[in-house]
C-alpha atoms as a PDB file:
ATOM      1  CA  MET A   1      64.799 -35.960  -7.924  1.00  0.00           C
ATOM      2  CA  ALA A   2      61.585 -38.620  -7.482  1.00  0.00           C
ATOM      3  CA  ALA A   3      62.479 -39.016  -4.071  1.00  0.00           C
ATOM      4  CA  GLU A   4      62.700 -35.307  -2.988  1.00  0.00           C
ATOM      5  CA  ALA A   5      59.459 -34.636  -4.770  1.00  0.00           C
ATOM      6  CA  ASP A   6      57.885 -37.465  -2.751  1.00  0.00           C
ATOM      7  CA  GLU A   7      59.418 -35.834   0.305  1.00  0.00           C
ATOM      8  CA  CYS A   8      57.901 -32.431  -0.541  1.00  0.00           C
ATOM      9  CA  ASN A   9      54.402 -33.877  -1.250  1.00  0.00           C
ATOM     10  CA  LEU A  10      54.409 -35.549   1.888  1.00  0.00           C
ATOM     11  CA  ILE A  11      55.495 -32.415   3.810  1.00  0.00           C
ATOM     12  CA  MET A  12      52.746 -30.440   2.307  1.00  0.00           C
ATOM     13  CA  ARG A  13      50.060 -33.140   3.131  1.00  0.00           C
ATOM     14  CA  LYS A  14      51.165 -33.004   6.817  1.00  0.00           C
ATOM     15  CA  GLN A  15      50.847 -29.102   6.928  1.00  0.00           C
ATOM     16  CA  PHE A  16      47.341 -29.570   5.123  1.00  0.00           C
ATOM     17  CA  LEU A  17      46.336 -32.112   7.850  1.00  0.00           C
ATOM     18  CA  ARG A  18      47.526 -29.735  10.511  1.00  0.00           C
ATOM     19  CA  ILE A  19      45.666 -26.881   9.113  1.00  0.00           C
ATOM     20  CA  LEU A  20      42.539 -28.846   8.532  1.00  0.00           C
ATOM     21  CA  ILE A  21      42.564 -30.269  12.086  1.00  0.00           C
ATOM     22  CA  GLY A  22      43.124 -26.979  13.455  1.00  0.00           C
ATOM     23  CA  LEU A  23      40.117 -25.532  11.682  1.00  0.00           C
ATOM     24  CA  ILE A  24      37.850 -28.388  12.823  1.00  0.00           C
ATOM     25  CA  LEU A  25      38.821 -27.687  16.465  1.00  0.00           C
ATOM     26  CA  LEU A  26      38.423 -23.978  15.849  1.00  0.00           C
ATOM     27  CA  VAL A  27      34.761 -23.745  14.258  1.00  0.00           C
ATOM     28  CA  PRO A  28      33.026 -25.041  17.188  1.00  0.00           C
ATOM     29  CA  GLY A  29      34.784 -22.840  19.593  1.00  0.00           C
ATOM     30  CA  VAL A  30      33.806 -19.903  17.499  1.00  0.00           C
ATOM     31  CA  ALA A  31      30.288 -20.879  16.752  1.00  0.00           C
ATOM     32  CA  LYS A  32      30.000 -21.658  20.650  1.00  0.00           C
ATOM     33  CA  ALA A  33      31.449 -18.083  21.505  1.00  0.00           C
ATOM     34  CA  GLN A  34      29.022 -16.334  19.215  1.00  0.00           C
ATOM     35  CA  PHE A  35      26.117 -18.346  20.497  1.00  0.00           C
ATOM     36  CA  GLU A  36      27.006 -17.261  23.806  1.00  0.00           C
ATOM     37  CA  THR A  37      27.413 -13.487  22.909  1.00  0.00           C
ATOM     38  CA  PHE A  38      23.832 -13.810  21.261  1.00  0.00           C
ATOM     39  CA  LYS A  39      22.403 -15.524  24.231  1.00  0.00           C
ATOM     40  CA  ASP A  40      23.891 -13.168  26.649  1.00  0.00           C
ATOM     41  CA  SER A  41      22.155 -10.072  24.328  1.00  0.00           C
ATOM     42  CA  VAL A  42      18.805 -11.678  24.389  1.00  0.00           C
ATOM     43  CA  VAL A  43      16.504  -9.566  27.317  1.00  0.00           C
ATOM     44  CA  GLN A  44      12.977 -10.618  28.520  1.00  0.00           C
ATOM     45  CA  LEU A  45      11.317  -7.448  28.830  1.00  0.00           C
ATOM     46  CA  TYR A  46       8.174  -7.487  30.839  1.00  0.00           C
ATOM     47  CA  GLY A  47       6.156  -4.597  32.769  1.00  0.00           C
ATOM     48  CA  VAL A  48       2.790  -2.676  32.634  1.00  0.00           C
ATOM     49  CA  VAL A  49       1.714   0.339  30.974  1.00  0.00           C
ATOM     50  CA  MET A  50      -0.452   2.857  33.074  1.00  0.00           C
ATOM     51  CA  THR A  51      -1.692   6.389  32.720  1.00  0.00           C
ATOM     52  CA  ALA A  52       0.842   9.361  34.408  1.00  0.00           C
ATOM     53  CA  ASP A  53      -1.979  11.048  36.218  1.00  0.00           C
ATOM     54  CA  SER A  54      -4.348   8.412  37.546  1.00  0.00           C
ATOM     55  CA  LEU A  55      -2.146   5.038  37.461  1.00  0.00           C
ATOM     56  CA  MET A  56      -4.786   3.508  35.416  1.00  0.00           C
ATOM     57  CA  ALA A  57      -4.000   0.229  33.380  1.00  0.00           C
ATOM     58  CA  ILE A  58      -4.219   0.870  29.814  1.00  0.00           C
ATOM     59  CA  PRO A  59      -5.132  -1.819  27.376  1.00  0.00           C
ATOM     60  CA  ALA A  60      -4.345  -2.605  23.889  1.00  0.00           C
ATOM     61  CA  VAL A  61      -1.291  -0.566  23.656  1.00  0.00           C
ATOM     62  CA  SER A  62       0.907  -1.171  20.639  1.00  0.00           C
ATOM     63  CA  ILE A  63       4.859  -2.145  21.529  1.00  0.00           C
ATOM     64  CA  LEU A  64       7.082  -2.190  18.482  1.00  0.00           C
ATOM     65  CA  ILE A  65      10.636  -2.742  18.387  1.00  0.00           C
ATOM     66  CA  LYS A  66      11.859   0.218  16.412  1.00  0.00           C
ATOM     67  CA  GLY A  67      13.138  -0.871  12.768  1.00  0.00           C
ATOM     68  CA  GLN A  68      11.879  -4.151  13.238  1.00  0.00           C
ATOM     69  CA  ASN A  69       8.787  -6.040  12.451  1.00  0.00           C
ATOM     70  CA  ARG A  70       8.319  -7.446  15.926  1.00  0.00           C
ATOM     71  CA  GLY A  71       5.888  -6.177  18.712  1.00  0.00           C
ATOM     72  CA  THR A  72       2.942  -6.932  20.839  1.00  0.00           C
ATOM     73  CA  MET A  73       0.215  -5.391  22.784  1.00  0.00           C
ATOM     74  CA  THR A  74      -0.837  -4.897  26.292  1.00  0.00           C
ATOM     75  CA  SER A  75      -3.567  -7.117  27.811  1.00  0.00           C
ATOM     76  CA  GLU A  76      -6.669  -5.852  29.376  1.00  0.00           C
ATOM     77  CA  ARG A  77      -4.684  -4.949  32.499  1.00  0.00           C
ATOM     78  CA  GLY A  78      -1.832  -3.365  30.626  1.00  0.00           C
ATOM     79  CA  VAL A  79       0.470  -6.079  31.156  1.00  0.00           C
ATOM     80  CA  PHE A  80       3.008  -7.139  28.446  1.00  0.00           C
ATOM     81  CA  SER A  81       5.987  -9.272  27.686  1.00  0.00           C
ATOM     82  CA  ILE A  82       8.035  -9.546  24.849  1.00  0.00           C
ATOM     83  CA  VAL A  83      11.843 -10.784  23.731  1.00  0.00           C
ATOM     84  CA  VAL A  84      14.183  -7.944  22.710  1.00  0.00           C
ATOM     85  CA  LEU A  85      17.864  -7.540  22.288  1.00  0.00           C
ATOM     86  CA  LYS A  86      20.212  -5.061  24.370  1.00  0.00           C
ATOM     87  CA  GLY A  87      20.418  -1.885  22.969  1.00  0.00           C
ATOM     88  CA  GLU A  88      17.100  -1.801  20.803  1.00  0.00           C
ATOM     89  CA  VAL A  89      14.518   1.156  21.415  1.00  0.00           C
ATOM     90  CA  VAL A  90      11.170  -0.314  22.074  1.00  0.00           C
ATOM     91  CA  GLU A  91       8.035   2.013  21.005  1.00  0.00           C
ATOM     92  CA  PHE A  92       4.679   2.509  23.033  1.00  0.00           C
ATOM     93  CA  THR A  93       1.847   4.203  20.987  1.00  0.00           C
ATOM     94  CA  SER A  94      -2.000   4.355  21.933  1.00  0.00           C
ATOM     95  CA  VAL A  95      -4.861   6.375  20.769  1.00  0.00           C
ATOM     96  CA  GLY A  96      -5.025   9.418  22.774  1.00  0.00           C
ATOM     97  CA  PHE A  97      -1.891   9.352  24.388  1.00  0.00           C
ATOM     98  CA  LYS A  98       1.800  10.612  23.327  1.00  0.00           C
ATOM     99  CA  PRO A  99       4.131   7.948  21.935  1.00  0.00           C
ATOM    100  CA  GLN A 100       6.973   6.819  24.361  1.00  0.00           C
ATOM    101  CA  THR A 101      10.240   4.969  23.664  1.00  0.00           C
ATOM    102  CA  VAL A 102      12.492   3.192  26.085  1.00  0.00           C
ATOM    103  CA  GLU A 103      15.986   1.921  25.166  1.00  0.00           C
ATOM    104  CA  ILE A 104      17.189  -1.301  26.475  1.00  0.00           C
ATOM    105  CA  PRO A 105      20.565  -0.744  28.194  1.00  0.00           C
ATOM    106  CA  ARG A 106      23.493  -2.301  26.611  1.00  0.00           C
ATOM    107  CA  ASN A 107      25.332  -2.892  29.857  1.00  0.00           C
ATOM    108  CA  LEU A 108      22.413  -4.522  31.368  1.00  0.00           C
ATOM    109  CA  GLN A 109      23.384  -7.532  33.814  1.00  0.00           C
ATOM    110  CA  GLY A 110      21.465 -10.400  33.070  1.00  0.00           C
ATOM    111  CA  ASN A 111      18.421 -11.469  30.830  1.00  0.00           C
ATOM    112  CA  GLN A 112      15.430  -9.903  32.423  1.00  0.00           C
ATOM    113  CA  TYR A 113      14.398  -6.047  32.362  1.00  0.00           C
ATOM    114  CA  SER A 114      11.019  -4.844  34.101  1.00  0.00           C
ATOM    115  CA  ILE A 115       9.489  -1.569  33.343  1.00  0.00           C
ATOM    116  CA  ILE A 116       6.477   0.370  34.469  1.00  0.00           C
ATOM    117  CA  GLN A 117       5.759   2.439  31.330  1.00  0.00           C
ATOM    118  CA  LEU A 118       3.504   5.538  31.980  1.00  0.00           C
ATOM    119  CA  MET A 119       1.513   7.334  29.300  1.00  0.00           C
ATOM    120  CA  VAL A 120       0.696  11.027  29.086  1.00  0.00           C
ATOM    121  CA  ASN A 121      -2.626  12.132  27.597  1.00  0.00           C
ATOM    122  CA  ASP A 122      -2.289  13.742  24.171  1.00  0.00           C
ATOM    123  CA  THR A 123      -4.556  16.633  24.250  1.00  0.00           C
ATOM    124  CA  ILE A 124      -5.976  17.772  20.790  1.00  0.00           C
ATOM    125  CA  TYR A 125      -7.201  21.430  20.274  1.00  0.00           C
ATOM    126  CA  LEU A 126      -9.730  21.924  17.675  1.00  0.00           C
ATOM    127  CA  PRO A 127     -10.264  25.436  16.207  1.00  0.00           C
ATOM    128  CA  VAL A 128     -13.256  27.608  17.794  1.00  0.00           C
ATOM    129  CA  THR A 129     -16.484  27.181  16.350  1.00  0.00           C
ATOM    130  CA  VAL A 130     -19.227  29.578  16.924  1.00  0.00           C
ATOM    131  CA  ILE A 131     -22.752  28.469  16.169  1.00  0.00           C
ATOM    132  CA  LYS A 132     -25.097  31.384  15.566  1.00  0.00           C
ATOM    133  CA  PRO A 133     -29.123  31.097  15.110  1.00  0.00           C
ATOM    134  CA  ARG A 134     -31.024  32.302  11.900  1.00  0.00           C
ATOM    135  CA  LEU A 135     -31.797  35.922  12.062  1.00  0.00           C
ATOM    136  CA  SER A 136     -35.364  35.460  10.626  1.00  0.00           C
ATOM    137  CA  ARG A 137     -37.602  32.652   9.080  1.00  0.00           C
ATOM    138  CA  GLU A 138     -37.006  34.680   5.886  1.00  0.00           C
ATOM    139  CA  GLN A 139     -33.326  34.403   5.948  1.00  0.00           C
ATOM    140  CA  PHE A 140     -33.704  30.936   6.630  1.00  0.00           C
ATOM    141  CA  GLU A 141     -35.909  29.727   3.902  1.00  0.00           C
ATOM    142  CA  ARG A 142     -33.665  31.987   1.483  1.00  0.00           C
ATOM    143  CA  ASP A 143     -30.505  30.089   2.550  1.00  0.00           C
ATOM    144  CA  PHE A 144     -31.982  26.876   2.398  1.00  0.00           C
ATOM    145  CA  LEU A 145     -33.384  27.094  -1.244  1.00  0.00           C
ATOM    146  CA  LYS A 146     -29.821  28.702  -2.207  1.00  0.00           C
ATOM    147  CA  THR A 147     -28.125  25.647  -0.621  1.00  0.00           C
ATOM    148  CA  LYS A 148     -26.472  23.517  -3.468  1.00  0.00           C
ATOM    149  CA  VAL A 149     -27.305  19.855  -2.820  1.00  0.00           C
ATOM    150  CA  PRO A 150     -24.414  17.377  -4.063  1.00  0.00           C
ATOM    151  CA  ASP A 151     -25.526  15.623  -7.083  1.00  0.00           C
ATOM    152  CA  ASP A 152     -26.528  11.625  -6.219  1.00  0.00           C
ATOM    153  CA  ALA A 153     -25.382   8.832  -8.047  1.00  0.00           C
ATOM    154  CA  LEU A 154     -28.630   8.511 -10.221  1.00  0.00           C
ATOM    155  CA  SER A 155     -28.243  12.348 -11.346  1.00  0.00           C
ATOM    156  CA  ILE A 156     -24.401  11.652 -12.174  1.00  0.00           C
ATOM    157  CA  ALA A 157     -25.794   8.729 -14.255  1.00  0.00           C
ATOM    158  CA  ARG A 158     -28.016  10.600 -16.404  1.00  0.00           C
ATOM    159  CA  GLN A 159     -25.423  13.291 -16.974  1.00  0.00           C
ATOM    160  CA  ASN A 160     -22.809  10.616 -18.283  1.00  0.00           C
ATOM    161  CA  ASN A 161     -25.560   9.190 -20.490  1.00  0.00           C
ATOM    162  CA  ASN A 162     -26.428  12.085 -22.496  1.00  0.00           C
ATOM    163  CA  GLU A 163     -25.736  12.168 -26.261  1.00  0.00           C
ATOM    164  CA  ALA A 164     -22.798  14.536 -26.064  1.00  0.00           C
ATOM    165  CA  SER A 165     -21.116  12.356 -23.354  1.00  0.00           C
ATOM    166  CA  ARG A 166     -21.576   9.146 -24.977  1.00  0.00           C
ATOM    167  CA  SER A 167     -20.471  10.463 -28.201  1.00  0.00           C
ATOM    168  CA  PHE A 168     -17.399  11.988 -26.946  1.00  0.00           C
ATOM    169  CA  LEU A 169     -16.646   8.639 -24.890  1.00  0.00           C
ATOM    170  CA  MET A 170     -17.231   6.642 -28.079  1.00  0.00           C
ATOM    171  CA  ALA A 171     -14.455   8.758 -30.004  1.00  0.00           C
ATOM    172  CA  THR A 172     -12.061   8.560 -27.127  1.00  0.00           C
ATOM    173  CA  MET A 173     -11.966   5.542 -25.352  1.00  0.00           C
ATOM    174  CA  PRO A 174     -10.392   2.329 -26.988  1.00  0.00           C
ATOM    175  CA  VAL A 175     -12.708  -0.733 -28.234  1.00  0.00           C
ATOM    176  CA  ASP A 176     -12.373  -3.589 -25.947  1.00  0.00           C
ATOM    177  CA  GLY A 177     -11.684  -7.367 -27.250  1.00  0.00           C
ATOM    178  CA  ARG A 178     -15.446  -7.944 -27.852  1.00  0.00           C
ATOM    179  CA  GLU A 179     -15.810  -4.857 -30.230  1.00  0.00           C
ATOM    180  CA  ALA A 180     -12.475  -5.320 -31.821  1.00  0.00           C
ATOM    181  CA  THR A 181     -13.839  -8.981 -32.741  1.00  0.00           C
ATOM    182  CA  ALA A 182     -17.265  -7.766 -33.998  1.00  0.00           C
ATOM    183  CA  ARG A 183     -15.517  -5.315 -36.254  1.00  0.00           C
ATOM    184  CA  TYR A 184     -13.122  -7.731 -37.690  1.00  0.00           C
ATOM    185  CA  MET A 185     -16.096 -10.321 -38.194  1.00  0.00           C
ATOM    186  CA  ARG A 186     -18.306  -7.764 -40.094  1.00  0.00           C
ATOM    187  CA  GLN A 187     -15.344  -6.747 -42.082  1.00  0.00           C
ATOM    188  CA  TYR A 188     -14.467 -10.461 -42.801  1.00  0.00           C
ATOM    189  CA  ALA A 189     -17.928 -11.097 -43.763  1.00  0.00           C
ATOM    190  CA  ALA A 190     -18.366  -8.076 -46.260  1.00  0.00           C
ATOM    191  CA  LYS A 191     -15.122  -9.419 -47.716  1.00  0.00           C
ATOM    192  CA  LEU A 192     -16.527 -13.124 -48.218  1.00  0.00           C
ATOM    193  CA  CYS A 193     -19.763 -11.542 -49.766  1.00  0.00           C
ATOM    194  CA  TYR A 194     -17.997  -9.818 -52.586  1.00  0.00           C
ATOM    195  CA  SER A 195     -15.463 -12.714 -52.897  1.00  0.00           C
ATOM    196  CA  GLY A 196     -14.345 -13.318 -56.669  1.00  0.00           C
ATOM    197  CA  GLN A 197     -16.391 -10.166 -57.852  1.00  0.00           C
ATOM    198  CA  VAL A 198     -15.782  -6.434 -57.924  1.00  0.00           C
ATOM    199  CA  PRO A 199     -17.514  -4.944 -54.618  1.00  0.00           C
ATOM    200  CA  PRO A 200     -20.108  -2.088 -55.774  1.00  0.00           C
ATOM    201  CA  MET A 201     -19.037   1.494 -55.648  1.00  0.00           C
ATOM    202  CA  ASN A 202     -21.715   4.110 -54.020  1.00  0.00           C
ATOM    203  CA  ILE A 203     -21.053   6.475 -56.687  1.00  0.00           C
ATOM    204  CA  PHE A 204     -23.103   4.636 -58.904  1.00  0.00           C
ATOM    205  CA  ASN A 205     -25.809   3.896 -56.366  1.00  0.00           C
ATOM    206  CA  PRO A 206     -28.941   6.054 -56.911  1.00  0.00           C
ATOM    207  CA  ALA A 207     -29.882   5.467 -53.494  1.00  0.00           C
ATOM    208  CA  ALA A 208     -26.680   6.892 -52.015  1.00  0.00           C
ATOM    209  CA  TRP A 209     -26.940   9.996 -54.489  1.00  0.00           C
ATOM    210  CA  ALA A 210     -30.605  10.641 -52.857  1.00  0.00           C
ATOM    211  CA  GLU A 211     -29.323  10.455 -49.255  1.00  0.00           C
ATOM    212  CA  PHE A 212     -26.715  12.559 -50.033  1.00  0.00           C
ATOM    213  CA  ILE A 213     -28.770  15.350 -51.555  1.00  0.00           C
ATOM    214  CA  GLN A 214     -31.311  14.940 -48.620  1.00  0.00           C
ATOM    215  CA  ALA A 215     -28.262  15.643 -46.073  1.00  0.00           C
ATOM    216  CA  TRP A 216     -27.048  18.313 -48.004  1.00  0.00           C
ATOM    217  CA  LYS A 217     -30.339  20.112 -47.941  1.00  0.00           C
ATOM    218  CA  ARG A 218     -30.599  19.650 -44.183  1.00  0.00           C
ATOM    219  CA  GLY A 219     -27.342  21.345 -43.803  1.00  0.00           C
ATOM    220  CA  ASP A 220     -25.570  18.267 -42.362  1.00  0.00           C
ATOM    221  CA  PHE A 221     -22.358  19.349 -43.837  1.00  0.00           C
ATOM    222  CA  ARG A 222     -22.380  22.999 -42.678  1.00  0.00           C
ATOM    223  CA  LYS A 223     -19.603  24.024 -40.344  1.00  0.00           C
ATOM    224  CA  LYS A 224     -20.963  24.288 -36.996  1.00  0.00           C
ATOM    225  CA  LYS A 225     -19.886  27.059 -34.812  1.00  0.00           C
ATOM    226  CA  LEU A 226     -18.621  26.270 -31.341  1.00  0.00           C
END
């Protein structure tokens, strides 16, 4: 039994070595084939961008590979050069011209491709504006005085600093770290001031009663009409 087991292990080792050697010999070939395929798909795209009506060079034209983050721009003479792949779409854009796209042929022979890209002017039509003079000096003065001038920064600041705005902001806005710390320190100081004794109650304070009576006479506690 031991001899049969050793013979079986020897056969399995030989098969494993054959498979390993085959993979070692196969991997470089596959990698080389993939590299050759990728190398064949790389194309050097170059050319010039010109206007369609006067054949003038267009500088600073944006040239982007559609769907990619790769691109370039034309020089002062409209010349460009960029590396692309076969089958990719190249988009040409410039202010004042309609966008143009060029697809690199998949069955292109070789690794170079030159083009002369023509750009068409993009005409923008604005709505008609009719300018009419004032009928009279009196009408001009009337319209000028009724023209509402928007508030400047100083006027807006004054409006935001009135008593009603400040009261609303104080009641609605949350306190920041500095205000919260100051409030806690005041409460803690008042607690330490009466430590070990009963804090006074304003119900027995004559000054507090006098202030309450004055406020009652002034009408501070009356319900205000909105």
